[in-house]
Each structure stands twice: as C-alpha cells, then as structure tokens.
Amino acid sequence: MYEMTEPFATGFLSVGDEQEIYWETSGNPNGTPVLHLHGGPGSGLNRNYRRHFDPKKYLIVGLEQRGCGRSRPLAHKDLSKLVSNTTQNLIADIEALRTHLNIESWFLFGGSWGTTLALVYAEAHPARVQGLVLAAVTM
C-alpha cells in the first residue's frame, strides 16, 4: 500500500438524463492514468482506494457511478432515475469522463461490480485501455 494522497481536482460531469457523475484526480498529474471503478452498484469511492497506486507514478482517477456516492441524484432518493442506470450508460459515462479529462488511454482497476464495468468498457473501447487489474471478479 502506498501513502494516502488527497485529490488535487474534483468535479461533477453532466452525462445526460439529469445525471451528474462525481470524479476526482490525485497522484501525479503527469503520471500514467489509472481509473478506479468501485463495486456496488450503489456504493461509491472509499478514500482508501488511492492507496493501491503509487502516487508518484500514476494519475489516479476516481469515478462515482450514476446514483452512487456523491453523484447526483442519488438512486435511493429518486428511484425514477434508475431507468437510465444501465451498463451501456455507465460505459458511456466512463468514456465521457476520459474525454473530459483529456486522457488518451488509461489502465482500469475494477473491484466487484467494477470488474464487470472494466471488462465491458475494454470490449467497447480497446484502444483506450492500456491494461486491466480486476479484483473480486463478479459477472
């Protein structure tokens, strides 16, 4: 485990359907990009996720999926928004974030449900994925 780093940039990205996803970056702004995809669906980022990556080497990107964590609206507060919480929309959200952050390609780290998202994203956008790390694989 590496030293805990705090985010140097955070924000919300509008992804349509009245949804805004929360994102944050930490580590080395010029480092190799790695995207952390949390489990769930429904959980969110655990601040300890950053400890898996060397902050001197990686640009660490965290994303809270639609309806989760700090993303808006929270699924449990507006169940009508769950209709747009599909795997394909989540993949489009990841790609929108990559474009928003001007990242050409990145490594994907997925845990639990995040492994499924990482695999589906890699199938849809193979040129954008440098590699995969999958933990607690679930399909």
C-alpha atoms as a PDB file:
ATOM      1  CA  MET A   1       0.000   0.000   0.000  1.00  0.00           C
ATOM      2  CA  TYR A   2       1.136   3.497  -0.821  1.00  0.00           C
ATOM      3  CA  GLU A   3       0.920   6.779   1.028  1.00  0.00           C
ATOM      4  CA  MET A   4      -2.542   8.337   1.004  1.00  0.00           C
ATOM      5  CA  THR A   5      -2.812  11.321  -1.319  1.00  0.00           C
ATOM      6  CA  GLU A   6      -5.626  13.830  -1.388  1.00  0.00           C
ATOM      7  CA  PRO A   7      -7.411  14.770  -4.625  1.00  0.00           C
ATOM      8  CA  PHE A   8      -5.994  17.786  -6.433  1.00  0.00           C
ATOM      9  CA  ALA A   9      -9.068  18.162  -8.654  1.00  0.00           C
ATOM     10  CA  THR A  10     -12.707  17.165  -8.222  1.00  0.00           C
ATOM     11  CA  GLY A  11     -15.846  17.859 -10.143  1.00  0.00           C
ATOM     12  CA  PHE A  12     -19.188  16.824 -11.495  1.00  0.00           C
ATOM     13  CA  LEU A  13     -19.730  15.870 -15.117  1.00  0.00           C
ATOM     14  CA  SER A  14     -23.202  16.081 -16.636  1.00  0.00           C
ATOM     15  CA  VAL A  15     -23.880  12.869 -18.548  1.00  0.00           C
ATOM     16  CA  GLY A  16     -27.492  13.449 -19.600  1.00  0.00           C
ATOM     17  CA  ASP A  17     -30.736  12.127 -18.178  1.00  0.00           C
ATOM     18  CA  GLU A  18     -30.400  14.776 -15.422  1.00  0.00           C
ATOM     19  CA  GLN A  19     -27.403  12.832 -14.074  1.00  0.00           C
ATOM     20  CA  GLU A  20     -24.083  14.244 -12.844  1.00  0.00           C
ATOM     21  CA  ILE A  21     -21.231  11.916 -12.004  1.00  0.00           C
ATOM     22  CA  TYR A  22     -18.641  12.824  -9.375  1.00  0.00           C
ATOM     23  CA  TRP A  23     -14.959  12.431 -10.289  1.00  0.00           C
ATOM     24  CA  GLU A  24     -11.627  13.177  -8.627  1.00  0.00           C
ATOM     25  CA  THR A  25      -7.954  13.015  -9.514  1.00  0.00           C
ATOM     26  CA  SER A  26      -4.933  12.545  -7.290  1.00  0.00           C
ATOM     27  CA  GLY A  27      -1.320  11.449  -7.538  1.00  0.00           C
ATOM     28  CA  ASN A  28       0.918  12.684 -10.345  1.00  0.00           C
ATOM     29  CA  PRO A  29      -0.867  14.999 -12.830  1.00  0.00           C
ATOM     30  CA  ASN A  30       1.643  13.860 -15.479  1.00  0.00           C
ATOM     31  CA  GLY A  31       1.614  10.212 -14.457  1.00  0.00           C
ATOM     32  CA  THR A  32       0.183   7.159 -16.187  1.00  0.00           C
ATOM     33  CA  PRO A  33      -3.616   7.408 -15.904  1.00  0.00           C
ATOM     34  CA  VAL A  34      -5.482   4.726 -13.969  1.00  0.00           C
ATOM     35  CA  LEU A  35      -9.244   4.697 -13.423  1.00  0.00           C
ATOM     36  CA  HIS A  36     -10.668   3.085 -10.293  1.00  0.00           C
ATOM     37  CA  LEU A  37     -14.136   1.559 -10.778  1.00  0.00           C
ATOM     38  CA  HIS A  38     -15.849   0.838  -7.470  1.00  0.00           C
ATOM     39  CA  GLY A  39     -18.150  -2.017  -6.611  1.00  0.00           C
ATOM     40  CA  GLY A  40     -21.825  -1.906  -5.988  1.00  0.00           C
ATOM     41  CA  PRO A  41     -23.771  -0.854  -7.797  1.00  0.00           C
ATOM     42  CA  GLY A  42     -24.794   1.581  -5.141  1.00  0.00           C
ATOM     43  CA  SER A  43     -21.639   2.027  -3.086  1.00  0.00           C
ATOM     44  CA  GLY A  44     -19.119   4.695  -4.104  1.00  0.00           C
ATOM     45  CA  LEU A  45     -15.463   5.527  -3.651  1.00  0.00           C
ATOM     46  CA  ASN A  46     -13.753   4.512  -0.449  1.00  0.00           C
ATOM     47  CA  ARG A  47     -10.998   7.039   0.242  1.00  0.00           C
ATOM     48  CA  ASN A  48      -8.540   4.163   0.726  1.00  0.00           C
ATOM     49  CA  TYR A  49      -8.781   3.163  -2.951  1.00  0.00           C
ATOM     50  CA  ARG A  50      -5.956   5.606  -3.737  1.00  0.00           C
ATOM     51  CA  ARG A  51      -3.523   3.593  -1.609  1.00  0.00           C
ATOM     52  CA  HIS A  52      -3.391   0.869  -4.289  1.00  0.00           C
ATOM     53  CA  PHE A  53      -1.456   3.138  -6.647  1.00  0.00           C
ATOM     54  CA  ASP A  54       1.961   4.780  -6.430  1.00  0.00           C
ATOM     55  CA  PRO A  55       1.063   8.496  -6.387  1.00  0.00           C
ATOM     56  CA  LYS A  56       4.461   9.386  -7.840  1.00  0.00           C
ATOM     57  CA  LYS A  57       3.855   7.211 -10.903  1.00  0.00           C
ATOM     58  CA  TYR A  58       0.094   7.380 -11.544  1.00  0.00           C
ATOM     59  CA  LEU A  59      -2.591   9.933 -12.254  1.00  0.00           C
ATOM     60  CA  ILE A  60      -5.276   8.316 -10.115  1.00  0.00           C
ATOM     61  CA  VAL A  61      -8.839   8.907 -11.308  1.00  0.00           C
ATOM     62  CA  GLY A  62     -11.845   8.027  -9.180  1.00  0.00           C
ATOM     63  CA  LEU A  63     -15.401   7.968 -10.500  1.00  0.00           C
ATOM     64  CA  GLU A  64     -18.634   7.506  -8.602  1.00  0.00           C
ATOM     65  CA  GLN A  65     -21.159   5.812 -10.850  1.00  0.00           C
ATOM     66  CA  ARG A  66     -24.650   7.158 -11.531  1.00  0.00           C
ATOM     67  CA  GLY A  67     -26.755   7.248  -8.401  1.00  0.00           C
ATOM     68  CA  CYS A  68     -23.787   6.442  -6.111  1.00  0.00           C
ATOM     69  CA  GLY A  69     -21.701   8.300  -3.549  1.00  0.00           C
ATOM     70  CA  ARG A  70     -21.562  11.991  -4.409  1.00  0.00           C
ATOM     71  CA  SER A  71     -23.023  11.624  -7.908  1.00  0.00           C
ATOM     72  CA  ARG A  72     -26.396  13.278  -8.387  1.00  0.00           C
ATOM     73  CA  PRO A  73     -29.174  12.412  -7.939  1.00  0.00           C
ATOM     74  CA  LEU A  74     -28.689   9.539  -5.524  1.00  0.00           C
ATOM     75  CA  ALA A  75     -30.616   6.498  -6.693  1.00  0.00           C
ATOM     76  CA  HIS A  76     -32.301   5.880  -3.344  1.00  0.00           C
ATOM     77  CA  LYS A  77     -33.629   9.470  -3.286  1.00  0.00           C
ATOM     78  CA  ASP A  78     -35.127   9.410  -6.786  1.00  0.00           C
ATOM     79  CA  LEU A  79     -35.982   5.901  -7.927  1.00  0.00           C
ATOM     80  CA  SER A  80     -37.355   7.235 -11.228  1.00  0.00           C
ATOM     81  CA  LYS A  81     -33.739   7.905 -12.306  1.00  0.00           C
ATOM     82  CA  LEU A  82     -32.830   4.208 -12.088  1.00  0.00           C
ATOM     83  CA  VAL A  83     -34.275   3.669 -15.570  1.00  0.00           C
ATOM     84  CA  SER A  84     -31.172   5.368 -17.023  1.00  0.00           C
ATOM     85  CA  ASN A  85     -28.743   3.421 -14.830  1.00  0.00           C
ATOM     86  CA  THR A  86     -27.804   0.821 -17.437  1.00  0.00           C
ATOM     87  CA  THR A  87     -24.484  -0.826 -18.129  1.00  0.00           C
ATOM     88  CA  GLN A  88     -24.313   0.876 -21.539  1.00  0.00           C
ATOM     89  CA  ASN A  89     -24.918   4.307 -19.977  1.00  0.00           C
ATOM     90  CA  LEU A  90     -22.233   3.635 -17.362  1.00  0.00           C
ATOM     91  CA  ILE A  91     -19.787   2.754 -20.140  1.00  0.00           C
ATOM     92  CA  ALA A  92     -20.730   5.978 -21.969  1.00  0.00           C
ATOM     93  CA  ASP A  93     -20.159   7.873 -18.691  1.00  0.00           C
ATOM     94  CA  ILE A  94     -16.649   6.422 -18.374  1.00  0.00           C
ATOM     95  CA  GLU A  95     -15.847   7.417 -21.940  1.00  0.00           C
ATOM     96  CA  ALA A  96     -17.269  10.931 -21.355  1.00  0.00           C
ATOM     97  CA  LEU A  97     -15.015  11.285 -18.303  1.00  0.00           C
ATOM     98  CA  ARG A  98     -11.951  10.119 -20.259  1.00  0.00           C
ATOM     99  CA  THR A  99     -12.680  12.724 -22.916  1.00  0.00           C
ATOM    100  CA  HIS A 100     -13.411  15.421 -20.316  1.00  0.00           C
ATOM    101  CA  LEU A 101     -10.046  14.812 -18.624  1.00  0.00           C
ATOM    102  CA  ASN A 102      -8.195  14.719 -21.976  1.00  0.00           C
ATOM    103  CA  ILE A 103      -6.837  11.236 -21.318  1.00  0.00           C
ATOM    104  CA  GLU A 104      -5.822   9.274 -24.423  1.00  0.00           C
ATOM    105  CA  SER A 105      -5.854   5.864 -22.712  1.00  0.00           C
ATOM    106  CA  TRP A 106      -5.710   4.507 -19.190  1.00  0.00           C
ATOM    107  CA  PHE A 107      -5.376   1.448 -17.015  1.00  0.00           C
ATOM    108  CA  LEU A 108      -8.591   0.217 -15.401  1.00  0.00           C
ATOM    109  CA  PHE A 109      -8.799  -1.111 -11.862  1.00  0.00           C
ATOM    110  CA  GLY A 110     -12.146  -2.694 -11.023  1.00  0.00           C
ATOM    111  CA  GLY A 111     -13.434  -4.239  -7.841  1.00  0.00           C
ATOM    112  CA  SER A 112     -16.552  -6.414  -7.675  1.00  0.00           C
ATOM    113  CA  TRP A 113     -19.182  -4.759  -9.937  1.00  0.00           C
ATOM    114  CA  GLY A 114     -16.358  -2.505 -11.175  1.00  0.00           C
ATOM    115  CA  THR A 115     -14.740  -5.583 -12.766  1.00  0.00           C
ATOM    116  CA  THR A 116     -17.786  -6.004 -14.989  1.00  0.00           C
ATOM    117  CA  LEU A 117     -17.677  -2.347 -15.998  1.00  0.00           C
ATOM    118  CA  ALA A 118     -13.950  -2.562 -16.709  1.00  0.00           C
ATOM    119  CA  LEU A 119     -14.395  -5.627 -18.927  1.00  0.00           C
ATOM    120  CA  VAL A 120     -17.355  -4.191 -20.848  1.00  0.00           C
ATOM    121  CA  TYR A 121     -15.576  -0.837 -21.285  1.00  0.00           C
ATOM    122  CA  ALA A 122     -12.434  -2.616 -22.530  1.00  0.00           C
ATOM    123  CA  GLU A 123     -14.508  -4.543 -25.080  1.00  0.00           C
ATOM    124  CA  ALA A 124     -16.209  -1.346 -26.286  1.00  0.00           C
ATOM    125  CA  HIS A 125     -13.069   0.844 -26.299  1.00  0.00           C
ATOM    126  CA  PRO A 126      -9.989  -1.412 -26.615  1.00  0.00           C
ATOM    127  CA  ALA A 127      -7.782   1.385 -27.961  1.00  0.00           C
ATOM    128  CA  ARG A 128      -8.423   3.378 -24.781  1.00  0.00           C
ATOM    129  CA  VAL A 129      -7.327   0.635 -22.347  1.00  0.00           C
ATOM    130  CA  GLN A 130      -3.658   0.036 -21.505  1.00  0.00           C
ATOM    131  CA  GLY A 131      -4.417  -2.833 -19.152  1.00  0.00           C
ATOM    132  CA  LEU A 132      -6.804  -4.227 -16.543  1.00  0.00           C
ATOM    133  CA  VAL A 133      -6.491  -5.105 -12.878  1.00  0.00           C
ATOM    134  CA  LEU A 134      -9.568  -6.970 -11.651  1.00  0.00           C
ATOM    135  CA  ALA A 135     -10.282  -7.790  -8.005  1.00  0.00           C
ATOM    136  CA  ALA A 136     -13.225  -9.742  -6.561  1.00  0.00           C
ATOM    137  CA  VAL A 137     -14.410 -10.589 -10.068  1.00  0.00           C
ATOM    138  CA  THR A 138     -18.156 -10.800 -10.495  1.00  0.00           C
ATOM    139  CA  MET A 139     -20.206 -11.241 -13.610  1.00  0.00           C
END
